[in-house]
Amino acid sequence: MKAWVGDREGAGLPAYMRDLVRLEELARLIELVSPLLIPGLLQSPSYARLIFEESLMGETGADLDELVALRCGRYEKLRSTNDPKVVAVFPETALTLVPEAVRVEQARHLVELTDTGRVRVHLVPSGSLLLGVTSMLLVFHMHDGGTAVSSDHVDGNVVYADSDGYARLQGLVKQALGAALPAGQSRKVLEELL
């Protein structure tokens, strides 16, 4: 009933915008803050495969090749539709603690993405924590001026329909950017990881 009233009165997000894919397609800017891993939208194939192999833990019926292709093709699909800018903040350890071949492929992929001028990466240096961000946080800035926020959880993504907490969540993005290296220094770190 609360969701119906919210839709009817215009509070929060309309039902059609609560889908993550739809939010990506309507965004002009996507801010991604991850306390542990590289955000899925920016993952290279070997990195995505590593994550899926761990998270699915041998689940039957999971087609890893298909999952990797879907995840790794997502950003290119967005480039051909709404071409959003992407700002990503994640720890340097998301790269340094994976196998070398995965690290090199992922670092190269991130450098290539930053070369487009549409992606900015900010690495949180080793020894620092993103305090306050306990799971992946996604902030979507829409072409119409609206904002939507979602968060990844162990078993899926939750889009926050109630915008009352958006100011606090957007504050966490600013806090994460403050803890991270500037984009230019982050790129130098990425190049050193190749």
N, C-alpha and C. Protein backbone atom coordinates (compact mmCIF):
# COMPACT_ATOMS: atom_id res chain seq x y z
N MET A 1 0.82 -1.19 0.00
CA MET A 1 0.00 0.00 0.00
C MET A 1 0.87 1.26 0.00
N LYS A 2 1.97 1.23 0.81
CA LYS A 2 2.87 2.38 0.89
C LYS A 2 3.49 2.67 -0.48
N ALA A 3 3.89 1.61 -1.21
CA ALA A 3 4.48 1.79 -2.54
C ALA A 3 3.46 2.40 -3.49
N TRP A 4 2.22 1.96 -3.42
CA TRP A 4 1.17 2.49 -4.29
C TRP A 4 0.94 3.97 -4.00
N VAL A 5 0.86 4.31 -2.72
CA VAL A 5 0.65 5.70 -2.35
C VAL A 5 1.83 6.54 -2.82
N GLY A 6 3.06 6.02 -2.66
CA GLY A 6 4.25 6.74 -3.10
C GLY A 6 4.23 6.99 -4.60
N ASP A 7 3.84 5.97 -5.38
CA ASP A 7 3.75 6.14 -6.83
C ASP A 7 2.68 7.17 -7.19
N ARG A 8 1.55 7.07 -6.52
CA ARG A 8 0.42 7.95 -6.82
C ARG A 8 0.73 9.41 -6.47
N GLU A 9 1.43 9.63 -5.37
CA GLU A 9 1.71 10.98 -4.91
C GLU A 9 3.05 11.52 -5.39
N GLY A 10 3.80 10.71 -6.12
CA GLY A 10 5.06 11.18 -6.67
C GLY A 10 6.23 11.14 -5.70
N ALA A 11 6.08 10.52 -4.54
CA ALA A 11 7.18 10.41 -3.59
C ALA A 11 8.08 9.26 -3.99
N GLY A 12 9.38 9.45 -3.89
CA GLY A 12 10.30 8.38 -4.23
C GLY A 12 10.35 8.13 -5.72
N LEU A 13 10.83 6.95 -6.10
CA LEU A 13 10.96 6.58 -7.51
C LEU A 13 9.70 5.94 -8.04
N PRO A 14 9.33 6.26 -9.27
CA PRO A 14 8.21 5.53 -9.87
C PRO A 14 8.61 4.07 -10.10
N ALA A 15 7.63 3.19 -10.14
CA ALA A 15 7.89 1.76 -10.25
C ALA A 15 8.77 1.42 -11.46
N TYR A 16 8.54 2.07 -12.60
CA TYR A 16 9.30 1.72 -13.80
C TYR A 16 10.78 2.07 -13.67
N MET A 17 11.14 2.96 -12.73
CA MET A 17 12.53 3.35 -12.56
C MET A 17 13.24 2.55 -11.48
N ARG A 18 12.59 1.60 -10.87
CA ARG A 18 13.22 0.84 -9.79
C ARG A 18 14.11 -0.29 -10.30
N ASP A 19 14.09 -0.52 -11.57
CA ASP A 19 14.91 -1.55 -12.17
C ASP A 19 16.30 -0.99 -12.45
N LEU A 20 17.34 -1.69 -12.03
CA LEU A 20 18.72 -1.20 -12.16
C LEU A 20 19.11 -0.95 -13.62
N VAL A 21 18.75 -1.84 -14.51
CA VAL A 21 19.09 -1.67 -15.92
C VAL A 21 18.44 -0.40 -16.47
N ARG A 22 17.21 -0.18 -16.11
CA ARG A 22 16.50 1.04 -16.56
C ARG A 22 17.18 2.29 -16.03
N LEU A 23 17.61 2.24 -14.77
CA LEU A 23 18.31 3.39 -14.19
C LEU A 23 19.60 3.68 -14.95
N GLU A 24 20.36 2.65 -15.27
CA GLU A 24 21.59 2.84 -16.03
C GLU A 24 21.30 3.50 -17.38
N GLU A 25 20.22 3.07 -18.01
CA GLU A 25 19.88 3.58 -19.34
C GLU A 25 19.33 5.00 -19.33
N LEU A 26 18.88 5.48 -18.19
CA LEU A 26 18.35 6.83 -18.07
C LEU A 26 19.36 7.82 -17.49
N ALA A 27 20.52 7.31 -17.06
CA ALA A 27 21.48 8.15 -16.36
C ALA A 27 22.38 8.93 -17.31
N ARG A 28 22.75 10.13 -16.89
CA ARG A 28 23.77 10.90 -17.58
C ARG A 28 25.10 10.75 -16.85
N LEU A 29 25.04 10.41 -15.55
CA LEU A 29 26.22 10.18 -14.72
C LEU A 29 25.91 9.06 -13.75
N ILE A 30 26.83 8.12 -13.64
CA ILE A 30 26.70 7.02 -12.67
C ILE A 30 27.91 7.07 -11.75
N GLU A 31 27.66 7.19 -10.45
CA GLU A 31 28.73 7.16 -9.46
C GLU A 31 28.71 5.79 -8.79
N LEU A 32 29.86 5.13 -8.79
CA LEU A 32 29.98 3.78 -8.25
C LEU A 32 31.02 3.80 -7.14
N VAL A 33 30.63 3.38 -5.94
CA VAL A 33 31.57 3.31 -4.83
C VAL A 33 31.53 1.89 -4.30
N SER A 34 32.69 1.25 -4.33
CA SER A 34 32.78 -0.14 -3.88
C SER A 34 33.85 -0.26 -2.81
N PRO A 35 33.51 -0.83 -1.66
CA PRO A 35 34.49 -0.95 -0.59
C PRO A 35 35.49 -2.10 -0.79
N LEU A 36 35.21 -3.01 -1.74
CA LEU A 36 36.08 -4.19 -1.89
C LEU A 36 36.53 -4.49 -3.31
N LEU A 37 35.60 -4.47 -4.25
CA LEU A 37 35.87 -4.96 -5.61
C LEU A 37 35.69 -3.86 -6.65
N ILE A 38 36.14 -4.16 -7.85
CA ILE A 38 35.88 -3.27 -8.97
C ILE A 38 34.41 -3.40 -9.34
N PRO A 39 33.70 -2.30 -9.51
CA PRO A 39 32.28 -2.37 -9.86
C PRO A 39 32.07 -3.20 -11.14
N GLY A 40 30.99 -3.96 -11.17
CA GLY A 40 30.70 -4.85 -12.28
C GLY A 40 30.69 -4.17 -13.63
N LEU A 41 30.21 -2.95 -13.70
CA LEU A 41 30.12 -2.21 -14.96
C LEU A 41 31.50 -2.01 -15.59
N LEU A 42 32.55 -2.05 -14.78
CA LEU A 42 33.90 -1.78 -15.27
C LEU A 42 34.82 -3.00 -15.24
N GLN A 43 34.26 -4.17 -14.98
CA GLN A 43 35.08 -5.37 -14.88
C GLN A 43 35.50 -5.91 -16.23
N SER A 44 36.73 -6.43 -16.29
CA SER A 44 37.23 -7.13 -17.47
C SER A 44 36.74 -8.58 -17.41
N PRO A 45 36.81 -9.33 -18.51
CA PRO A 45 36.31 -10.70 -18.51
C PRO A 45 36.94 -11.62 -17.46
N SER A 46 38.25 -11.59 -17.31
CA SER A 46 38.86 -12.51 -16.33
C SER A 46 38.51 -12.11 -14.90
N TYR A 47 38.37 -10.81 -14.65
CA TYR A 47 37.98 -10.34 -13.32
C TYR A 47 36.54 -10.76 -13.02
N ALA A 48 35.65 -10.55 -13.98
CA ALA A 48 34.25 -10.94 -13.79
C ALA A 48 34.13 -12.44 -13.57
N ARG A 49 34.89 -13.23 -14.35
CA ARG A 49 34.85 -14.68 -14.19
C ARG A 49 35.30 -15.09 -12.79
N LEU A 50 36.36 -14.47 -12.30
CA LEU A 50 36.85 -14.76 -10.96
C LEU A 50 35.77 -14.48 -9.91
N ILE A 51 35.10 -13.36 -10.05
CA ILE A 51 34.03 -12.99 -9.10
C ILE A 51 32.87 -13.98 -9.19
N PHE A 52 32.44 -14.30 -10.41
CA PHE A 52 31.32 -15.24 -10.56
C PHE A 52 31.68 -16.63 -10.05
N GLU A 53 32.89 -17.08 -10.32
CA GLU A 53 33.30 -18.41 -9.83
C GLU A 53 33.22 -18.49 -8.32
N GLU A 54 33.64 -17.43 -7.65
CA GLU A 54 33.58 -17.40 -6.18
C GLU A 54 32.16 -17.25 -5.67
N SER A 55 31.42 -16.32 -6.24
CA SER A 55 30.09 -16.02 -5.69
C SER A 55 29.07 -17.11 -5.98
N LEU A 56 29.22 -17.80 -7.10
CA LEU A 56 28.27 -18.86 -7.43
C LEU A 56 28.65 -20.20 -6.82
N MET A 57 29.92 -20.36 -6.46
CA MET A 57 30.43 -21.54 -5.78
C MET A 57 29.90 -22.84 -6.37
N GLY A 58 30.04 -23.00 -7.67
CA GLY A 58 29.66 -24.26 -8.31
C GLY A 58 28.17 -24.46 -8.48
N GLU A 59 27.38 -23.41 -8.36
CA GLU A 59 25.93 -23.54 -8.51
C GLU A 59 25.60 -24.16 -9.87
N THR A 60 24.79 -25.19 -9.84
CA THR A 60 24.45 -25.86 -11.09
C THR A 60 23.55 -24.98 -11.95
N GLY A 61 23.72 -25.08 -13.24
CA GLY A 61 22.89 -24.33 -14.17
C GLY A 61 23.42 -22.94 -14.48
N ALA A 62 24.51 -22.54 -13.80
CA ALA A 62 25.08 -21.21 -14.06
C ALA A 62 26.00 -21.30 -15.27
N ASP A 63 25.72 -20.51 -16.29
CA ASP A 63 26.55 -20.46 -17.48
C ASP A 63 27.52 -19.29 -17.31
N LEU A 64 28.74 -19.61 -16.85
CA LEU A 64 29.71 -18.56 -16.56
C LEU A 64 30.04 -17.71 -17.79
N ASP A 65 30.18 -18.37 -18.94
CA ASP A 65 30.50 -17.61 -20.16
C ASP A 65 29.43 -16.57 -20.46
N GLU A 66 28.18 -16.96 -20.30
CA GLU A 66 27.08 -16.03 -20.56
C GLU A 66 27.05 -14.90 -19.55
N LEU A 67 27.25 -15.24 -18.27
CA LEU A 67 27.26 -14.21 -17.23
C LEU A 67 28.38 -13.21 -17.44
N VAL A 68 29.57 -13.72 -17.78
CA VAL A 68 30.71 -12.84 -18.04
C VAL A 68 30.44 -11.95 -19.25
N ALA A 69 29.92 -12.52 -20.31
CA ALA A 69 29.62 -11.74 -21.52
C ALA A 69 28.59 -10.65 -21.23
N LEU A 70 27.56 -10.98 -20.47
CA LEU A 70 26.53 -9.98 -20.13
C LEU A 70 27.12 -8.85 -19.31
N ARG A 71 27.89 -9.21 -18.28
CA ARG A 71 28.46 -8.19 -17.41
C ARG A 71 29.45 -7.31 -18.18
N CYS A 72 30.31 -7.93 -18.94
CA CYS A 72 31.38 -7.17 -19.62
C CYS A 72 30.87 -6.41 -20.84
N GLY A 73 29.73 -6.77 -21.36
CA GLY A 73 29.17 -6.06 -22.49
C GLY A 73 28.25 -4.93 -22.09
N ARG A 74 27.95 -4.84 -20.81
CA ARG A 74 26.97 -3.87 -20.33
C ARG A 74 27.41 -2.42 -20.58
N TYR A 75 28.66 -2.09 -20.25
CA TYR A 75 29.10 -0.72 -20.41
C TYR A 75 29.10 -0.30 -21.88
N GLU A 76 29.53 -1.19 -22.77
CA GLU A 76 29.52 -0.86 -24.20
C GLU A 76 28.10 -0.63 -24.70
N LYS A 77 27.16 -1.40 -24.18
CA LYS A 77 25.76 -1.20 -24.55
C LYS A 77 25.29 0.19 -24.11
N LEU A 78 25.67 0.57 -22.90
CA LEU A 78 25.30 1.91 -22.42
C LEU A 78 25.97 3.00 -23.25
N ARG A 79 27.21 2.77 -23.68
CA ARG A 79 27.90 3.76 -24.51
C ARG A 79 27.13 4.01 -25.80
N SER A 80 26.50 2.96 -26.32
CA SER A 80 25.78 3.12 -27.59
C SER A 80 24.37 3.67 -27.41
N THR A 81 23.89 3.73 -26.18
CA THR A 81 22.55 4.27 -25.94
C THR A 81 22.65 5.67 -25.34
N ASN A 82 22.80 5.77 -24.04
CA ASN A 82 22.81 7.07 -23.36
C ASN A 82 24.21 7.60 -23.05
N ASP A 83 25.26 6.80 -23.24
CA ASP A 83 26.65 7.19 -23.03
C ASP A 83 26.88 7.97 -21.74
N PRO A 84 26.57 7.35 -20.58
CA PRO A 84 26.73 8.08 -19.32
C PRO A 84 28.20 8.24 -18.95
N LYS A 85 28.49 9.29 -18.22
CA LYS A 85 29.80 9.41 -17.58
C LYS A 85 29.76 8.48 -16.37
N VAL A 86 30.92 7.93 -16.03
CA VAL A 86 31.01 7.03 -14.89
C VAL A 86 32.17 7.49 -14.01
N VAL A 87 31.90 7.63 -12.72
CA VAL A 87 32.93 7.92 -11.73
C VAL A 87 32.93 6.74 -10.78
N ALA A 88 34.09 6.08 -10.66
CA ALA A 88 34.19 4.89 -9.82
C ALA A 88 35.25 5.08 -8.75
N VAL A 89 34.90 4.70 -7.53
CA VAL A 89 35.83 4.73 -6.40
C VAL A 89 35.88 3.32 -5.84
N PHE A 90 37.10 2.77 -5.76
CA PHE A 90 37.28 1.44 -5.18
C PHE A 90 38.72 1.32 -4.70
N PRO A 91 39.00 0.34 -3.83
CA PRO A 91 40.35 0.22 -3.28
C PRO A 91 41.35 -0.34 -4.28
N GLU A 92 42.58 0.13 -4.16
CA GLU A 92 43.67 -0.39 -4.96
C GLU A 92 43.80 -1.90 -4.77
N THR A 93 43.48 -2.39 -3.58
CA THR A 93 43.58 -3.83 -3.30
C THR A 93 42.62 -4.65 -4.14
N ALA A 94 41.60 -4.02 -4.73
CA ALA A 94 40.71 -4.75 -5.64
C ALA A 94 41.48 -5.25 -6.84
N LEU A 95 42.63 -4.64 -7.10
CA LEU A 95 43.51 -5.06 -8.19
C LEU A 95 44.71 -5.85 -7.69
N THR A 96 45.30 -5.39 -6.61
CA THR A 96 46.57 -5.99 -6.18
C THR A 96 46.41 -7.35 -5.51
N LEU A 97 45.22 -7.68 -5.06
CA LEU A 97 45.02 -8.95 -4.36
C LEU A 97 44.42 -10.06 -5.24
N VAL A 98 44.36 -9.84 -6.54
CA VAL A 98 43.89 -10.89 -7.47
C VAL A 98 45.10 -11.45 -8.20
N PRO A 99 44.96 -12.62 -8.83
CA PRO A 99 46.09 -13.19 -9.57
C PRO A 99 46.65 -12.22 -10.61
N GLU A 100 47.94 -12.32 -10.87
CA GLU A 100 48.64 -11.36 -11.73
C GLU A 100 48.00 -11.21 -13.11
N ALA A 101 47.65 -12.32 -13.75
CA ALA A 101 47.07 -12.24 -15.09
C ALA A 101 45.75 -11.47 -15.07
N VAL A 102 44.96 -11.69 -14.04
CA VAL A 102 43.68 -10.98 -13.88
C VAL A 102 43.96 -9.50 -13.63
N ARG A 103 44.91 -9.22 -12.76
CA ARG A 103 45.27 -7.83 -12.43
C ARG A 103 45.69 -7.06 -13.67
N VAL A 104 46.56 -7.66 -14.47
CA VAL A 104 47.07 -6.97 -15.66
C VAL A 104 45.94 -6.70 -16.65
N GLU A 105 45.10 -7.72 -16.90
CA GLU A 105 43.98 -7.52 -17.83
C GLU A 105 43.04 -6.44 -17.32
N GLN A 106 42.73 -6.47 -16.03
CA GLN A 106 41.79 -5.50 -15.46
C GLN A 106 42.39 -4.10 -15.46
N ALA A 107 43.64 -3.95 -15.11
CA ALA A 107 44.28 -2.63 -15.11
C ALA A 107 44.30 -2.07 -16.53
N ARG A 108 44.62 -2.90 -17.52
CA ARG A 108 44.63 -2.45 -18.92
C ARG A 108 43.22 -2.00 -19.33
N HIS A 109 42.22 -2.78 -18.93
CA HIS A 109 40.82 -2.46 -19.25
C HIS A 109 40.44 -1.10 -18.65
N LEU A 110 40.83 -0.85 -17.42
CA LEU A 110 40.49 0.41 -16.77
C LEU A 110 41.21 1.59 -17.43
N VAL A 111 42.46 1.40 -17.81
CA VAL A 111 43.19 2.46 -18.52
C VAL A 111 42.48 2.78 -19.84
N GLU A 112 42.07 1.74 -20.57
CA GLU A 112 41.36 1.95 -21.83
C GLU A 112 40.04 2.69 -21.61
N LEU A 113 39.33 2.33 -20.54
CA LEU A 113 38.07 3.01 -20.24
C LEU A 113 38.30 4.48 -19.91
N THR A 114 39.36 4.77 -19.15
CA THR A 114 39.62 6.18 -18.82
C THR A 114 40.04 6.96 -20.06
N ASP A 115 40.63 6.28 -21.04
CA ASP A 115 41.02 6.95 -22.29
C ASP A 115 39.80 7.44 -23.08
N THR A 116 38.62 6.89 -22.81
CA THR A 116 37.42 7.33 -23.53
C THR A 116 37.00 8.74 -23.10
N GLY A 117 37.48 9.16 -21.94
CA GLY A 117 37.07 10.46 -21.41
C GLY A 117 35.72 10.41 -20.72
N ARG A 118 35.09 9.25 -20.69
CA ARG A 118 33.76 9.10 -20.07
C ARG A 118 33.83 8.38 -18.73
N VAL A 119 34.99 7.82 -18.39
CA VAL A 119 35.15 7.07 -17.14
C VAL A 119 36.28 7.69 -16.34
N ARG A 120 36.02 7.92 -15.08
CA ARG A 120 37.04 8.42 -14.15
C ARG A 120 37.16 7.42 -13.01
N VAL A 121 38.38 6.98 -12.75
CA VAL A 121 38.65 6.02 -11.69
C VAL A 121 39.42 6.72 -10.57
N HIS A 122 38.99 6.48 -9.35
CA HIS A 122 39.67 7.00 -8.15
C HIS A 122 39.97 5.80 -7.25
N LEU A 123 41.26 5.50 -7.10
CA LEU A 123 41.66 4.38 -6.27
C LEU A 123 41.86 4.82 -4.83
N VAL A 124 41.34 4.03 -3.92
CA VAL A 124 41.60 4.25 -2.50
C VAL A 124 42.91 3.53 -2.21
N PRO A 125 43.94 4.26 -1.74
CA PRO A 125 45.25 3.64 -1.58
C PRO A 125 45.25 2.52 -0.54
N SER A 126 46.18 1.60 -0.73
CA SER A 126 46.35 0.51 0.24
C SER A 126 46.57 1.10 1.63
N GLY A 127 45.98 0.47 2.62
CA GLY A 127 46.11 0.95 3.98
C GLY A 127 44.99 1.87 4.40
N SER A 128 44.10 2.22 3.46
CA SER A 128 42.95 3.08 3.78
C SER A 128 41.66 2.28 3.66
N LEU A 129 40.65 2.71 4.35
CA LEU A 129 39.34 2.08 4.30
C LEU A 129 38.29 3.08 3.85
N LEU A 130 37.28 2.58 3.19
CA LEU A 130 36.11 3.40 2.88
C LEU A 130 35.12 3.24 4.04
N LEU A 131 35.35 3.97 5.08
CA LEU A 131 34.48 3.89 6.24
C LEU A 131 33.10 4.43 5.88
N GLY A 132 32.08 3.75 6.31
CA GLY A 132 30.72 4.19 6.04
C GLY A 132 30.09 3.50 4.84
N VAL A 133 30.92 3.01 3.92
CA VAL A 133 30.40 2.30 2.75
C VAL A 133 30.62 0.81 2.99
N THR A 134 29.55 0.10 3.29
CA THR A 134 29.68 -1.31 3.63
C THR A 134 29.36 -2.25 2.48
N SER A 135 28.75 -1.73 1.44
CA SER A 135 28.48 -2.51 0.23
C SER A 135 28.47 -1.55 -0.95
N MET A 136 28.50 -2.12 -2.14
CA MET A 136 28.54 -1.31 -3.36
C MET A 136 27.40 -0.29 -3.35
N LEU A 137 27.74 0.96 -3.61
CA LEU A 137 26.77 2.05 -3.63
C LEU A 137 26.76 2.63 -5.03
N LEU A 138 25.57 2.78 -5.61
CA LEU A 138 25.42 3.31 -6.97
C LEU A 138 24.49 4.51 -6.91
N VAL A 139 24.95 5.64 -7.48
CA VAL A 139 24.13 6.84 -7.54
C VAL A 139 23.97 7.20 -9.01
N PHE A 140 22.72 7.33 -9.43
CA PHE A 140 22.38 7.63 -10.82
C PHE A 140 21.86 9.05 -10.91
N HIS A 141 22.51 9.86 -11.73
CA HIS A 141 22.06 11.22 -11.97
C HIS A 141 21.41 11.21 -13.35
N MET A 142 20.11 11.50 -13.39
CA MET A 142 19.33 11.36 -14.60
C MET A 142 19.39 12.61 -15.49
N HIS A 143 19.09 12.43 -16.74
CA HIS A 143 19.05 13.54 -17.70
C HIS A 143 18.00 14.58 -17.30
N ASP A 144 16.95 14.14 -16.63
CA ASP A 144 15.89 15.08 -16.25
C ASP A 144 16.18 15.80 -14.93
N GLY A 145 17.36 15.56 -14.36
CA GLY A 145 17.74 16.21 -13.11
C GLY A 145 17.46 15.38 -11.87
N GLY A 146 16.75 14.29 -12.01
CA GLY A 146 16.45 13.43 -10.88
C GLY A 146 17.65 12.58 -10.47
N THR A 147 17.53 11.97 -9.31
CA THR A 147 18.58 11.10 -8.77
C THR A 147 17.95 9.82 -8.26
N ALA A 148 18.68 8.74 -8.40
CA ALA A 148 18.26 7.46 -7.84
C ALA A 148 19.48 6.82 -7.20
N VAL A 149 19.26 6.05 -6.15
CA VAL A 149 20.36 5.41 -5.43
C VAL A 149 20.02 3.94 -5.22
N SER A 150 21.05 3.09 -5.38
CA SER A 150 20.87 1.67 -5.11
C SER A 150 22.12 1.14 -4.44
N SER A 151 22.00 -0.06 -3.92
CA SER A 151 23.12 -0.70 -3.25
C SER A 151 23.09 -2.20 -3.54
N ASP A 152 24.28 -2.75 -3.76
CA ASP A 152 24.39 -4.20 -3.96
C ASP A 152 24.41 -4.89 -2.61
N HIS A 153 23.78 -6.04 -2.59
CA HIS A 153 23.80 -6.90 -1.41
C HIS A 153 24.24 -8.28 -1.87
N VAL A 154 24.46 -9.16 -0.95
CA VAL A 154 24.95 -10.49 -1.29
C VAL A 154 24.03 -11.20 -2.27
N ASP A 155 22.75 -10.95 -2.19
CA ASP A 155 21.80 -11.66 -3.05
C ASP A 155 21.02 -10.73 -3.96
N GLY A 156 21.66 -9.68 -4.47
CA GLY A 156 20.99 -8.81 -5.41
C GLY A 156 21.18 -7.34 -5.09
N ASN A 157 20.52 -6.52 -5.87
CA ASN A 157 20.62 -5.07 -5.76
C ASN A 157 19.30 -4.51 -5.26
N VAL A 158 19.39 -3.50 -4.40
CA VAL A 158 18.19 -2.85 -3.86
C VAL A 158 18.20 -1.39 -4.31
N VAL A 159 17.14 -0.96 -4.96
CA VAL A 159 16.97 0.44 -5.33
C VAL A 159 16.17 1.11 -4.23
N TYR A 160 16.71 2.20 -3.70
CA TYR A 160 16.03 2.90 -2.62
C TYR A 160 14.96 3.80 -3.20
N ALA A 161 13.72 3.43 -2.99
CA ALA A 161 12.60 4.19 -3.53
C ALA A 161 12.32 5.46 -2.73
N ASP A 162 12.69 5.44 -1.46
CA ASP A 162 12.44 6.59 -0.60
C ASP A 162 13.65 7.52 -0.67
N SER A 163 13.48 8.69 -1.22
CA SER A 163 14.60 9.61 -1.43
C SER A 163 14.98 10.40 -0.18
N ASP A 164 14.32 10.15 0.93
CA ASP A 164 14.64 10.89 2.15
C ASP A 164 16.09 10.70 2.58
N GLY A 165 16.68 9.54 2.34
CA GLY A 165 18.06 9.28 2.76
C GLY A 165 19.11 9.56 1.70
N TYR A 166 18.71 10.11 0.57
CA TYR A 166 19.66 10.33 -0.54
C TYR A 166 20.80 11.27 -0.17
N ALA A 167 20.51 12.30 0.60
CA ALA A 167 21.56 13.26 0.95
C ALA A 167 22.68 12.56 1.72
N ARG A 168 22.32 11.69 2.64
CA ARG A 168 23.33 10.96 3.41
C ARG A 168 24.12 10.03 2.50
N LEU A 169 23.42 9.33 1.60
CA LEU A 169 24.09 8.39 0.70
C LEU A 169 25.00 9.12 -0.28
N GLN A 170 24.57 10.27 -0.78
CA GLN A 170 25.43 11.05 -1.66
C GLN A 170 26.62 11.62 -0.89
N GLY A 171 26.43 11.86 0.39
CA GLY A 171 27.55 12.28 1.25
C GLY A 171 28.60 11.19 1.35
N LEU A 172 28.16 9.93 1.34
CA LEU A 172 29.12 8.82 1.38
C LEU A 172 29.97 8.79 0.10
N VAL A 173 29.37 9.15 -1.04
CA VAL A 173 30.13 9.22 -2.29
C VAL A 173 31.21 10.30 -2.16
N LYS A 174 30.84 11.46 -1.64
CA LYS A 174 31.81 12.54 -1.46
C LYS A 174 32.91 12.14 -0.49
N GLN A 175 32.53 11.46 0.57
CA GLN A 175 33.51 10.98 1.56
C GLN A 175 34.47 9.99 0.90
N ALA A 176 33.96 9.09 0.06
CA ALA A 176 34.79 8.11 -0.63
C ALA A 176 35.75 8.80 -1.60
N LEU A 177 35.26 9.79 -2.32
CA LEU A 177 36.13 10.55 -3.24
C LEU A 177 37.23 11.27 -2.46
N GLY A 178 36.91 11.73 -1.27
CA GLY A 178 37.90 12.39 -0.43
C GLY A 178 38.97 11.45 0.08
N ALA A 179 38.64 10.17 0.23
CA ALA A 179 39.60 9.18 0.71
C ALA A 179 40.45 8.61 -0.42
N ALA A 180 40.05 8.86 -1.66
CA ALA A 180 40.71 8.25 -2.82
C ALA A 180 41.73 9.21 -3.44
N LEU A 181 42.60 8.62 -4.25
CA LEU A 181 43.55 9.40 -5.01
C LEU A 181 42.84 10.15 -6.13
N PRO A 182 43.35 11.31 -6.53
CA PRO A 182 42.78 11.98 -7.70
C PRO A 182 42.89 11.09 -8.93
N ALA A 183 42.09 11.38 -9.95
CA ALA A 183 42.02 10.54 -11.15
C ALA A 183 43.39 10.38 -11.81
N GLY A 184 44.16 11.44 -11.92
CA GLY A 184 45.47 11.37 -12.57
C GLY A 184 46.43 10.45 -11.83
N GLN A 185 46.46 10.57 -10.50
CA GLN A 185 47.32 9.68 -9.71
C GLN A 185 46.81 8.25 -9.77
N SER A 186 45.51 8.07 -9.79
CA SER A 186 44.95 6.72 -9.89
C SER A 186 45.36 6.08 -11.21
N ARG A 187 45.34 6.85 -12.27
CA ARG A 187 45.76 6.31 -13.57
C ARG A 187 47.22 5.87 -13.54
N LYS A 188 48.09 6.65 -12.90
CA LYS A 188 49.50 6.26 -12.78
C LYS A 188 49.64 4.94 -12.04
N VAL A 189 48.85 4.75 -10.98
CA VAL A 189 48.88 3.48 -10.24
C VAL A 189 48.43 2.35 -11.16
N LEU A 190 47.36 2.57 -11.92
CA LEU A 190 46.88 1.55 -12.87
C LEU A 190 47.97 1.19 -13.86
N GLU A 191 48.65 2.18 -14.40
CA GLU A 191 49.70 1.91 -15.38
C GLU A 191 50.85 1.13 -14.76
N GLU A 192 51.15 1.38 -13.48
CA GLU A 192 52.21 0.64 -12.79
C GLU A 192 51.81 -0.82 -12.55
N LEU A 193 50.53 -1.10 -12.54
CA LEU A 193 50.04 -2.47 -12.31
C LEU A 193 50.02 -3.31 -13.58
N LEU A 194 50.32 -2.69 -14.73
CA LEU A 194 50.34 -3.43 -16.00
C LEU A 194 51.59 -4.29 -16.11
